[in-house]
Structures are given as C-alpha cells and as structure tokens.
Amino acid sequence: MTSAGGLGDLIRDPDDAIRRMDEWAAGFARKAERYAAAQQETEQLRLTATSPDGTVKVTVGADGVVSDLVFSSRTRTIPPEELSRMVLETMRKAQSGITDRVAEVMGRSLGDEDPDTRAVMLDSLRNRFPDPDPDPADQADTPDEQPEPPASPPPAGGAARPPATPPAPGGPAAPPPGRRPGGIDPDEQDNNPW
C-alpha cells in the first residue's frame, strides 16, 4: 500500500512525475541563479573607512582584502609606529562593516531562503571581522588594565648591565655576561696598560 503522493502515484501517472521533477529542477536552477547573483554582488562590494583625522583612508573588499590605501600629506610628519597603528585601525574599521553589507545583499537576493546557511555564513564573517577595538585611550581608565611598572634606573656611574648568570648547580660560577674569565671587562681591556 502506498500513501498519497508516494511512489505509487509516480508509477500511476508518469507524466505528473516528470512535471514535478521539472518543477523541482527549475526551482533549483532559480535558487542557484539567486545565489550566483548574490555572490557576484558580494564580490563587488567595497567598504571604505577613514582615520579620525583624515590621514589614512582604507578600502577593502567583502573578503577583507585591502584594495586601496590612501595617505594624506600629513603622513610625512607622523612617526612610523603611529602611522602603522592608524592603518591597522582604519582597515579593521572598514572590515567591521563587511558582515552588515553581506547580510543586506543576501536579504535582497535570497529573501528568507536558507536562514540556517545565512546564519552560519554571517557568524563566520562576524568572527573574522569583529567590530574594531575601542580607542586605547578610552580603555586606560578601566580597572582591568594594569600599567606597566617603570623601568628601574641604571646604576650610578654607567649603563645598566644584565644580571650575572647564576652558577650551574654543582659547577663553577660562570662569569657575568660581557666579562672574560679573570675579571677583565672587554670594554676596559683597551684601557688596561698591563
């Protein structure tokens, strides 16, 4: 015994079976076209961010890869470390918008189709391109941040020297770094008349 819509119905009406398979194939083809259109539109996405002072402008694609990087003339006066930080922060700011823009494209192209697939994909993008970290100056006041202790000043009369190497257990003491056996400092050797 077969249920309604089961294999028995297909055998009794092969023309209906062919028509349903054609509809299924056409629906699958339309779905594939919508996904291809969404992919094509996503690949053309460009997101741009500018540093707060306008010194750095970064453009990224939906894959997060930088496609354009523009510096203002102010970069000549900025220390390299600060400029590097500005570039990275601005790049992360541009990348942080990827998830929302891809979600918009998917919504337009796919509607409510495949919500589970969309959720997995968007979660993956959120993990790859999170919101940029807040300004470090804003976080300096948080109790979790512990300032680094200041470096101790060098000993009087000269530059700081690394601590002596502790003796090996049961063996003779190793000379301090920078000293030769016999207590002669290589920096003082040239000044030693003996």
N, C-alpha and C. Protein backbone atom coordinates (compact mmCIF):
# COMPACT_ATOMS: atom_id res chain seq x y z
N MET A 1 0.83 -1.16 0.00
CA MET A 1 0.00 0.00 0.00
C MET A 1 0.89 1.24 0.00
N THR A 2 0.52 2.23 -0.78
CA THR A 2 1.32 3.46 -0.83
C THR A 2 0.46 4.63 -0.40
N SER A 3 1.12 5.61 0.17
CA SER A 3 0.39 6.80 0.62
C SER A 3 0.22 7.78 -0.53
N ALA A 4 -0.67 8.74 -0.35
CA ALA A 4 -0.90 9.75 -1.37
C ALA A 4 0.39 10.52 -1.61
N GLY A 5 0.75 10.72 -2.86
CA GLY A 5 1.96 11.44 -3.20
C GLY A 5 3.20 10.57 -3.14
N GLY A 6 3.05 9.27 -2.89
CA GLY A 6 4.19 8.39 -2.76
C GLY A 6 4.59 7.81 -4.11
N LEU A 7 5.38 6.77 -4.06
CA LEU A 7 5.91 6.11 -5.25
C LEU A 7 4.79 5.54 -6.11
N GLY A 8 3.71 5.07 -5.48
CA GLY A 8 2.59 4.52 -6.25
C GLY A 8 1.99 5.55 -7.18
N ASP A 9 1.87 6.81 -6.71
CA ASP A 9 1.33 7.88 -7.56
C ASP A 9 2.25 8.14 -8.74
N LEU A 10 3.56 8.07 -8.53
CA LEU A 10 4.50 8.31 -9.62
C LEU A 10 4.36 7.25 -10.71
N ILE A 11 4.16 6.03 -10.27
CA ILE A 11 4.03 4.93 -11.22
C ILE A 11 2.72 5.05 -12.00
N ARG A 12 1.64 5.44 -11.33
CA ARG A 12 0.34 5.56 -12.00
C ARG A 12 0.31 6.71 -12.99
N ASP A 13 1.05 7.83 -12.68
CA ASP A 13 1.00 8.99 -13.57
C ASP A 13 2.42 9.47 -13.85
N PRO A 14 3.10 8.81 -14.78
CA PRO A 14 4.49 9.19 -15.07
C PRO A 14 4.60 10.62 -15.61
N ASP A 15 3.57 11.11 -16.32
CA ASP A 15 3.64 12.49 -16.83
C ASP A 15 3.66 13.49 -15.68
N ASP A 16 2.86 13.21 -14.63
CA ASP A 16 2.84 14.08 -13.46
C ASP A 16 4.20 14.03 -12.75
N ALA A 17 4.78 12.84 -12.69
CA ALA A 17 6.10 12.69 -12.06
C ALA A 17 7.14 13.51 -12.81
N ILE A 18 7.11 13.45 -14.11
CA ILE A 18 8.06 14.22 -14.93
C ILE A 18 7.85 15.71 -14.72
N ARG A 19 6.58 16.14 -14.69
CA ARG A 19 6.27 17.55 -14.49
C ARG A 19 6.80 18.02 -13.13
N ARG A 20 6.62 17.23 -12.05
CA ARG A 20 7.10 17.61 -10.72
C ARG A 20 8.62 17.66 -10.66
N MET A 21 9.28 16.71 -11.31
CA MET A 21 10.75 16.73 -11.34
C MET A 21 11.24 17.94 -12.12
N ASP A 22 10.55 18.31 -13.21
CA ASP A 22 10.92 19.50 -13.97
C ASP A 22 10.75 20.77 -13.12
N GLU A 23 9.66 20.81 -12.35
CA GLU A 23 9.43 21.96 -11.46
C GLU A 23 10.52 22.04 -10.40
N TRP A 24 10.86 20.89 -9.83
CA TRP A 24 11.92 20.85 -8.82
C TRP A 24 13.24 21.33 -9.43
N ALA A 25 13.58 20.84 -10.62
CA ALA A 25 14.83 21.24 -11.29
C ALA A 25 14.82 22.73 -11.61
N ALA A 26 13.67 23.25 -12.07
CA ALA A 26 13.57 24.67 -12.38
C ALA A 26 13.72 25.50 -11.10
N GLY A 27 13.10 25.05 -10.03
CA GLY A 27 13.24 25.76 -8.75
C GLY A 27 14.67 25.75 -8.26
N PHE A 28 15.33 24.62 -8.43
CA PHE A 28 16.73 24.52 -8.04
C PHE A 28 17.59 25.46 -8.89
N ALA A 29 17.32 25.53 -10.20
CA ALA A 29 18.07 26.42 -11.10
C ALA A 29 17.85 27.89 -10.71
N ARG A 30 16.60 28.24 -10.37
CA ARG A 30 16.33 29.63 -9.95
C ARG A 30 17.09 29.95 -8.65
N LYS A 31 17.10 29.00 -7.74
CA LYS A 31 17.82 29.20 -6.48
C LYS A 31 19.32 29.37 -6.75
N ALA A 32 19.87 28.55 -7.63
CA ALA A 32 21.29 28.66 -7.98
C ALA A 32 21.59 30.02 -8.61
N GLU A 33 20.67 30.52 -9.44
CA GLU A 33 20.86 31.84 -10.06
C GLU A 33 20.85 32.94 -8.99
N ARG A 34 19.96 32.83 -8.01
CA ARG A 34 19.91 33.84 -6.94
C ARG A 34 21.21 33.81 -6.12
N TYR A 35 21.70 32.62 -5.83
CA TYR A 35 22.96 32.52 -5.09
C TYR A 35 24.12 33.07 -5.92
N ALA A 36 24.14 32.79 -7.21
CA ALA A 36 25.21 33.31 -8.08
C ALA A 36 25.14 34.83 -8.14
N ALA A 37 23.93 35.39 -8.22
CA ALA A 37 23.78 36.85 -8.25
C ALA A 37 24.26 37.45 -6.92
N ALA A 38 23.90 36.82 -5.81
CA ALA A 38 24.35 37.31 -4.50
C ALA A 38 25.86 37.25 -4.40
N GLN A 39 26.45 36.17 -4.88
CA GLN A 39 27.91 36.04 -4.83
C GLN A 39 28.57 37.12 -5.69
N GLN A 40 28.04 37.36 -6.87
CA GLN A 40 28.61 38.36 -7.77
C GLN A 40 28.51 39.76 -7.14
N GLU A 41 27.35 40.08 -6.57
CA GLU A 41 27.19 41.38 -5.92
C GLU A 41 28.12 41.51 -4.72
N THR A 42 28.26 40.43 -3.96
CA THR A 42 29.14 40.45 -2.79
C THR A 42 30.59 40.67 -3.21
N GLU A 43 31.01 40.04 -4.28
CA GLU A 43 32.39 40.19 -4.74
C GLU A 43 32.68 41.62 -5.19
N GLN A 44 31.66 42.37 -5.55
CA GLN A 44 31.85 43.76 -6.00
C GLN A 44 31.78 44.76 -4.84
N LEU A 45 31.44 44.30 -3.65
CA LEU A 45 31.35 45.21 -2.51
C LEU A 45 32.71 45.84 -2.22
N ARG A 46 32.68 47.12 -1.88
CA ARG A 46 33.86 47.83 -1.43
C ARG A 46 33.44 48.66 -0.22
N LEU A 47 34.19 48.56 0.86
CA LEU A 47 33.91 49.32 2.07
C LEU A 47 35.12 50.18 2.37
N THR A 48 34.88 51.45 2.65
CA THR A 48 35.96 52.40 2.89
C THR A 48 35.81 53.02 4.27
N ALA A 49 36.93 53.18 4.94
CA ALA A 49 36.95 53.87 6.23
C ALA A 49 38.11 54.85 6.21
N THR A 50 37.96 55.91 6.97
CA THR A 50 38.99 56.95 7.06
C THR A 50 39.33 57.14 8.53
N SER A 51 40.62 57.36 8.80
CA SER A 51 41.04 57.61 10.19
C SER A 51 40.37 58.89 10.68
N PRO A 52 40.21 59.04 11.99
CA PRO A 52 39.51 60.21 12.53
C PRO A 52 40.06 61.55 12.04
N ASP A 53 41.36 61.64 11.85
CA ASP A 53 41.94 62.92 11.41
C ASP A 53 42.09 63.01 9.90
N GLY A 54 41.65 61.98 9.16
CA GLY A 54 41.70 62.02 7.70
C GLY A 54 43.05 61.67 7.10
N THR A 55 43.98 61.22 7.90
CA THR A 55 45.32 60.91 7.40
C THR A 55 45.35 59.65 6.55
N VAL A 56 44.56 58.65 6.94
CA VAL A 56 44.58 57.34 6.28
C VAL A 56 43.18 56.99 5.79
N LYS A 57 43.10 56.47 4.58
CA LYS A 57 41.83 56.01 4.01
C LYS A 57 42.08 54.61 3.44
N VAL A 58 41.28 53.63 3.90
CA VAL A 58 41.47 52.24 3.51
C VAL A 58 40.17 51.70 2.90
N THR A 59 40.29 51.02 1.77
CA THR A 59 39.15 50.36 1.13
C THR A 59 39.42 48.87 1.09
N VAL A 60 38.41 48.09 1.50
CA VAL A 60 38.52 46.63 1.50
C VAL A 60 37.37 46.03 0.70
N GLY A 61 37.57 44.81 0.23
CA GLY A 61 36.51 44.05 -0.42
C GLY A 61 35.79 43.20 0.61
N ALA A 62 34.78 42.47 0.15
CA ALA A 62 33.99 41.62 1.05
C ALA A 62 34.83 40.50 1.66
N ASP A 63 35.96 40.20 1.07
CA ASP A 63 36.84 39.18 1.64
C ASP A 63 37.81 39.77 2.66
N GLY A 64 37.72 41.09 2.88
CA GLY A 64 38.57 41.74 3.86
C GLY A 64 39.91 42.20 3.33
N VAL A 65 40.21 41.88 2.08
CA VAL A 65 41.50 42.25 1.50
C VAL A 65 41.50 43.73 1.12
N VAL A 66 42.58 44.41 1.46
CA VAL A 66 42.71 45.83 1.15
C VAL A 66 42.85 45.99 -0.37
N SER A 67 41.98 46.83 -0.95
CA SER A 67 42.05 47.07 -2.38
C SER A 67 42.56 48.48 -2.69
N ASP A 68 42.56 49.37 -1.68
CA ASP A 68 43.07 50.71 -1.89
C ASP A 68 43.51 51.27 -0.54
N LEU A 69 44.61 52.01 -0.57
CA LEU A 69 45.16 52.62 0.63
C LEU A 69 45.65 54.01 0.23
N VAL A 70 45.10 55.05 0.87
CA VAL A 70 45.44 56.42 0.52
C VAL A 70 45.93 57.14 1.77
N PHE A 71 47.05 57.86 1.63
CA PHE A 71 47.60 58.66 2.72
C PHE A 71 47.49 60.13 2.36
N SER A 72 47.22 60.95 3.36
CA SER A 72 47.25 62.40 3.14
C SER A 72 48.70 62.86 3.29
N SER A 73 48.96 64.11 2.97
CA SER A 73 50.32 64.64 3.09
C SER A 73 50.79 64.69 4.54
N ARG A 74 49.86 64.61 5.46
CA ARG A 74 50.21 64.64 6.89
C ARG A 74 51.07 63.44 7.29
N THR A 75 51.06 62.37 6.52
CA THR A 75 51.81 61.17 6.90
C THR A 75 53.31 61.43 7.02
N ARG A 76 53.79 62.48 6.35
CA ARG A 76 55.23 62.78 6.42
C ARG A 76 55.66 63.21 7.82
N THR A 77 54.70 63.67 8.62
CA THR A 77 55.05 64.18 9.94
C THR A 77 54.70 63.20 11.06
N ILE A 78 54.18 62.04 10.71
CA ILE A 78 53.74 61.08 11.72
C ILE A 78 54.81 60.00 11.90
N PRO A 79 55.14 59.68 13.14
CA PRO A 79 56.10 58.60 13.39
C PRO A 79 55.59 57.28 12.78
N PRO A 80 56.48 56.47 12.25
CA PRO A 80 56.07 55.21 11.60
C PRO A 80 55.19 54.32 12.47
N GLU A 81 55.48 54.23 13.78
CA GLU A 81 54.68 53.37 14.65
C GLU A 81 53.24 53.85 14.71
N GLU A 82 53.06 55.16 14.80
CA GLU A 82 51.70 55.72 14.86
C GLU A 82 50.98 55.53 13.53
N LEU A 83 51.71 55.71 12.43
CA LEU A 83 51.10 55.52 11.11
C LEU A 83 50.67 54.06 10.92
N SER A 84 51.49 53.13 11.35
CA SER A 84 51.14 51.71 11.26
C SER A 84 49.86 51.42 12.04
N ARG A 85 49.80 51.97 13.26
CA ARG A 85 48.61 51.78 14.10
C ARG A 85 47.38 52.36 13.41
N MET A 86 47.51 53.54 12.81
CA MET A 86 46.38 54.19 12.13
C MET A 86 45.89 53.34 10.96
N VAL A 87 46.83 52.79 10.20
CA VAL A 87 46.46 51.96 9.04
C VAL A 87 45.68 50.74 9.51
N LEU A 88 46.20 50.04 10.51
CA LEU A 88 45.54 48.83 11.00
C LEU A 88 44.17 49.14 11.59
N GLU A 89 44.07 50.19 12.38
CA GLU A 89 42.77 50.54 12.97
C GLU A 89 41.76 50.92 11.90
N THR A 90 42.20 51.66 10.89
CA THR A 90 41.30 52.08 9.83
C THR A 90 40.89 50.88 8.98
N MET A 91 41.82 49.97 8.73
CA MET A 91 41.49 48.75 7.98
C MET A 91 40.45 47.93 8.74
N ARG A 92 40.64 47.76 10.04
CA ARG A 92 39.68 46.99 10.85
C ARG A 92 38.32 47.67 10.88
N LYS A 93 38.32 49.00 10.89
CA LYS A 93 37.06 49.74 10.86
C LYS A 93 36.32 49.46 9.55
N ALA A 94 37.03 49.46 8.43
CA ALA A 94 36.40 49.15 7.15
C ALA A 94 35.91 47.71 7.13
N GLN A 95 36.73 46.78 7.62
CA GLN A 95 36.35 45.37 7.61
C GLN A 95 35.16 45.09 8.51
N SER A 96 34.99 45.86 9.56
CA SER A 96 33.90 45.59 10.50
C SER A 96 32.53 45.78 9.87
N GLY A 97 32.44 46.48 8.75
CA GLY A 97 31.17 46.68 8.07
C GLY A 97 30.81 45.57 7.08
N ILE A 98 31.72 44.63 6.87
CA ILE A 98 31.50 43.58 5.87
C ILE A 98 30.27 42.76 6.19
N THR A 99 30.12 42.32 7.42
CA THR A 99 29.00 41.44 7.78
C THR A 99 27.66 42.09 7.46
N ASP A 100 27.49 43.35 7.84
CA ASP A 100 26.21 44.03 7.58
C ASP A 100 25.94 44.17 6.09
N ARG A 101 26.97 44.50 5.33
CA ARG A 101 26.77 44.68 3.89
C ARG A 101 26.45 43.35 3.19
N VAL A 102 27.12 42.28 3.58
CA VAL A 102 26.83 40.96 3.01
C VAL A 102 25.42 40.53 3.39
N ALA A 103 25.01 40.81 4.62
CA ALA A 103 23.65 40.48 5.06
C ALA A 103 22.61 41.22 4.21
N GLU A 104 22.88 42.48 3.87
CA GLU A 104 21.97 43.25 3.01
C GLU A 104 21.85 42.59 1.64
N VAL A 105 22.98 42.23 1.06
CA VAL A 105 22.98 41.60 -0.27
C VAL A 105 22.20 40.29 -0.23
N MET A 106 22.47 39.48 0.79
CA MET A 106 21.77 38.20 0.89
C MET A 106 20.26 38.41 1.08
N GLY A 107 19.89 39.39 1.86
CA GLY A 107 18.47 39.68 2.07
C GLY A 107 17.78 40.07 0.78
N ARG A 108 18.43 40.91 -0.02
CA ARG A 108 17.84 41.33 -1.31
C ARG A 108 17.77 40.18 -2.29
N SER A 109 18.85 39.40 -2.37
CA SER A 109 18.93 38.36 -3.39
C SER A 109 18.19 37.08 -3.02
N LEU A 110 18.19 36.73 -1.73
CA LEU A 110 17.68 35.42 -1.32
C LEU A 110 16.41 35.49 -0.49
N GLY A 111 16.05 36.67 -0.03
CA GLY A 111 14.86 36.78 0.81
C GLY A 111 15.05 35.97 2.08
N ASP A 112 14.03 35.19 2.44
CA ASP A 112 14.08 34.40 3.67
C ASP A 112 14.60 32.97 3.43
N GLU A 113 15.15 32.75 2.26
CA GLU A 113 15.63 31.42 1.89
C GLU A 113 16.85 31.01 2.71
N ASP A 114 16.91 29.80 3.14
CA ASP A 114 18.05 29.20 3.84
C ASP A 114 18.55 30.03 5.03
N PRO A 115 17.71 30.27 6.03
CA PRO A 115 18.16 31.08 7.18
C PRO A 115 19.32 30.44 7.95
N ASP A 116 19.37 29.11 8.00
CA ASP A 116 20.46 28.45 8.73
C ASP A 116 21.80 28.67 8.03
N THR A 117 21.80 28.53 6.70
CA THR A 117 23.03 28.75 5.93
C THR A 117 23.50 30.19 6.09
N ARG A 118 22.55 31.11 6.01
CA ARG A 118 22.87 32.53 6.15
C ARG A 118 23.45 32.81 7.53
N ALA A 119 22.85 32.25 8.58
CA ALA A 119 23.32 32.48 9.94
C ALA A 119 24.76 31.99 10.12
N VAL A 120 25.06 30.81 9.59
CA VAL A 120 26.42 30.27 9.70
C VAL A 120 27.41 31.17 8.97
N MET A 121 27.03 31.59 7.78
CA MET A 121 27.93 32.43 6.98
C MET A 121 28.17 33.78 7.65
N LEU A 122 27.11 34.40 8.15
CA LEU A 122 27.26 35.71 8.78
C LEU A 122 28.01 35.62 10.11
N ASP A 123 27.80 34.53 10.85
CA ASP A 123 28.57 34.33 12.09
C ASP A 123 30.06 34.19 11.78
N SER A 124 30.36 33.48 10.70
CA SER A 124 31.75 33.33 10.30
C SER A 124 32.37 34.69 9.96
N LEU A 125 31.62 35.53 9.25
CA LEU A 125 32.12 36.86 8.91
C LEU A 125 32.30 37.71 10.17
N ARG A 126 31.37 37.62 11.11
CA ARG A 126 31.49 38.38 12.36
C ARG A 126 32.74 37.97 13.13
N ASN A 127 33.05 36.68 13.11
CA ASN A 127 34.25 36.21 13.80
C ASN A 127 35.52 36.68 13.10
N ARG A 128 35.51 36.70 11.78
CA ARG A 128 36.69 37.14 11.02
C ARG A 128 36.89 38.64 11.09
N PHE A 129 35.78 39.38 11.08
CA PHE A 129 35.85 40.84 11.02
C PHE A 129 35.01 41.47 12.13
N PRO A 130 35.47 41.35 13.38
CA PRO A 130 34.69 41.91 14.50
C PRO A 130 34.75 43.43 14.48
N ASP A 131 33.91 44.03 15.30
CA ASP A 131 33.97 45.48 15.45
C ASP A 131 35.36 45.84 15.93
N PRO A 132 35.90 46.96 15.45
CA PRO A 132 37.25 47.33 15.88
C PRO A 132 37.30 47.59 17.38
N ASP A 133 38.48 47.39 17.95
CA ASP A 133 38.67 47.65 19.37
C ASP A 133 38.43 49.13 19.64
N PRO A 134 37.89 49.43 20.81
CA PRO A 134 37.73 50.84 21.17
C PRO A 134 39.10 51.51 21.28
N ASP A 135 39.08 52.82 21.26
CA ASP A 135 40.31 53.60 21.35
C ASP A 135 41.05 53.23 22.64
N PRO A 136 42.36 52.88 22.54
CA PRO A 136 43.11 52.50 23.74
C PRO A 136 43.10 53.60 24.81
N ALA A 137 43.02 54.85 24.41
CA ALA A 137 42.99 55.93 25.39
C ALA A 137 41.73 55.86 26.24
N ASP A 138 40.63 55.38 25.64
CA ASP A 138 39.39 55.24 26.39
C ASP A 138 39.47 54.10 27.39
N GLN A 139 40.28 53.10 27.12
CA GLN A 139 40.36 51.93 27.99
C GLN A 139 41.39 52.08 29.11
N ALA A 140 42.21 53.11 29.06
CA ALA A 140 43.26 53.26 30.07
C ALA A 140 42.69 53.43 31.46
N ASP A 141 41.44 53.90 31.57
CA ASP A 141 40.84 54.12 32.88
C ASP A 141 40.16 52.89 33.44
N THR A 142 40.10 51.79 32.71
CA THR A 142 39.41 50.62 33.19
C THR A 142 40.23 49.93 34.26
N PRO A 143 39.56 49.35 35.28
CA PRO A 143 40.32 48.72 36.37
C PRO A 143 41.04 47.45 35.94
N ASP A 144 40.67 46.82 34.84
CA ASP A 144 41.32 45.60 34.39
C ASP A 144 42.72 45.87 33.85
N GLU A 145 42.95 47.08 33.38
CA GLU A 145 44.24 47.43 32.80
C GLU A 145 45.22 47.77 33.92
N GLN A 146 46.34 47.13 33.95
CA GLN A 146 47.37 47.43 34.94
C GLN A 146 48.53 48.10 34.20
N PRO A 147 48.92 49.30 34.61
CA PRO A 147 50.04 49.94 33.94
C PRO A 147 51.32 49.15 34.20
N GLU A 148 52.23 49.20 33.25
CA GLU A 148 53.49 48.51 33.42
C GLU A 148 54.34 49.29 34.42
N PRO A 149 55.07 48.57 35.27
CA PRO A 149 55.92 49.28 36.23
C PRO A 149 57.03 50.01 35.48
N PRO A 150 57.44 51.15 35.99
CA PRO A 150 58.52 51.89 35.31
C PRO A 150 59.81 51.09 35.40
N ALA A 151 60.64 51.27 34.38
CA ALA A 151 61.93 50.59 34.36
C ALA A 151 62.81 51.19 35.44
N SER A 152 63.58 50.34 36.11
CA SER A 152 64.45 50.85 37.16
C SER A 152 65.61 51.60 36.50
N PRO A 153 66.06 52.67 37.13
CA PRO A 153 67.14 53.46 36.54
C PRO A 153 68.44 52.67 36.54
N PRO A 154 69.32 52.99 35.60
CA PRO A 154 70.61 52.28 35.58
C PRO A 154 71.42 52.64 36.82
N PRO A 155 72.32 51.74 37.20
CA PRO A 155 73.13 52.03 38.38
C PRO A 155 73.99 53.27 38.14
N ALA A 156 74.32 53.93 39.23
CA ALA A 156 75.13 55.14 39.14
C ALA A 156 76.47 54.83 38.50
N GLY A 157 76.88 55.72 37.65
CA GLY A 157 78.21 55.57 37.07
C GLY A 157 78.24 54.83 35.76
N GLY A 158 77.10 54.56 35.15
CA GLY A 158 77.18 53.90 33.85
C GLY A 158 75.88 53.28 33.43
N ALA A 159 75.97 52.59 32.32
CA ALA A 159 74.78 51.95 31.74
C ALA A 159 74.42 50.71 32.54
N ALA A 160 73.17 50.35 32.44
CA ALA A 160 72.69 49.15 33.12
C ALA A 160 73.33 47.92 32.51
N ARG A 161 73.64 46.96 33.35
CA ARG A 161 74.21 45.70 32.88
C ARG A 161 73.23 44.59 33.21
N PRO A 162 73.18 43.58 32.37
CA PRO A 162 72.30 42.46 32.69
C PRO A 162 72.79 41.78 33.96
N PRO A 163 71.87 41.13 34.68
CA PRO A 163 72.29 40.44 35.90
C PRO A 163 73.25 39.31 35.59
N ALA A 164 74.05 38.98 36.58
CA ALA A 164 75.02 37.89 36.39
C ALA A 164 74.28 36.58 36.23
N THR A 165 74.87 35.69 35.46
CA THR A 165 74.29 34.37 35.24
C THR A 165 74.47 33.55 36.51
N PRO A 166 73.39 32.94 37.03
CA PRO A 166 73.55 32.15 38.25
C PRO A 166 74.42 30.94 37.98
N PRO A 167 75.16 30.49 39.02
CA PRO A 167 76.04 29.33 38.80
C PRO A 167 75.21 28.08 38.54
N ALA A 168 75.79 27.22 37.74
CA ALA A 168 75.14 25.94 37.46
C ALA A 168 75.19 25.11 38.74
N PRO A 169 74.13 24.34 39.02
CA PRO A 169 74.14 23.52 40.24
C PRO A 169 75.34 22.58 40.27
N GLY A 170 76.12 22.69 41.31
CA GLY A 170 77.27 21.80 41.50
C GLY A 170 78.46 22.14 40.63
N GLY A 171 78.41 23.22 39.87
CA GLY A 171 79.53 23.55 38.99
C GLY A 171 80.11 24.89 39.35
N PRO A 172 81.19 25.28 38.67
CA PRO A 172 81.81 26.58 38.95
C PRO A 172 80.90 27.71 38.45
N ALA A 173 81.04 28.85 39.08
CA ALA A 173 80.24 30.01 38.69
C ALA A 173 80.68 30.49 37.31
N ALA A 174 79.70 30.80 36.48
CA ALA A 174 80.00 31.34 35.15
C ALA A 174 80.30 32.82 35.29
N PRO A 175 81.21 33.34 34.46
CA PRO A 175 81.49 34.78 34.56
C PRO A 175 80.25 35.56 34.08
N PRO A 176 80.06 36.76 34.62
CA PRO A 176 78.93 37.56 34.19
C PRO A 176 79.01 37.82 32.69
N PRO A 177 77.87 38.03 32.01
CA PRO A 177 77.91 38.32 30.58
C PRO A 177 78.77 39.54 30.32
N GLY A 178 79.52 39.49 29.24
CA GLY A 178 80.38 40.61 28.87
C GLY A 178 81.73 40.60 29.57
N ARG A 179 81.97 39.67 30.47
CA ARG A 179 83.26 39.60 31.18
C ARG A 179 83.99 38.35 30.72
N ARG A 180 85.25 38.48 30.65
CA ARG A 180 86.08 37.32 30.33
C ARG A 180 86.55 36.68 31.62
N PRO A 181 86.86 35.40 31.57
CA PRO A 181 87.42 34.79 32.79
C PRO A 181 88.64 35.60 33.23
N GLY A 182 88.78 35.75 34.49
CA GLY A 182 89.90 36.54 35.01
C GLY A 182 89.46 37.94 35.39
N GLY A 183 88.17 38.27 35.17
CA GLY A 183 87.62 39.53 35.62
C GLY A 183 87.91 40.72 34.74
N ILE A 184 88.35 40.52 33.51
CA ILE A 184 88.65 41.66 32.64
C ILE A 184 87.41 41.96 31.80
N ASP A 185 86.95 43.17 31.92
CA ASP A 185 85.80 43.63 31.13
C ASP A 185 86.31 43.97 29.73
N PRO A 186 85.71 43.44 28.64
CA PRO A 186 86.23 43.72 27.30
C PRO A 186 86.23 45.21 26.98
N ASP A 187 85.31 45.99 27.57
CA ASP A 187 85.30 47.42 27.30
C ASP A 187 86.48 48.11 27.99
N GLU A 188 86.95 47.56 29.10
CA GLU A 188 88.06 48.16 29.84
C GLU A 188 89.39 47.59 29.39
N GLN A 189 89.40 46.54 28.60
CA GLN A 189 90.64 45.87 28.21
C GLN A 189 91.57 46.82 27.46
N ASP A 190 91.01 47.64 26.58
CA ASP A 190 91.85 48.55 25.80
C ASP A 190 92.51 49.60 26.71
N ASN A 191 91.89 49.91 27.82
CA ASN A 191 92.41 50.92 28.73
C ASN A 191 93.35 50.33 29.78
N ASN A 192 93.48 49.02 29.81
CA ASN A 192 94.32 48.36 30.80
C ASN A 192 95.77 48.36 30.30
N PRO A 193 96.65 49.04 30.98
CA PRO A 193 98.03 49.09 30.50
C PRO A 193 98.78 47.78 30.71
N TRP A 194 98.30 46.85 31.48
CA TRP A 194 99.02 45.62 31.78
C TRP A 194 98.68 44.59 30.82
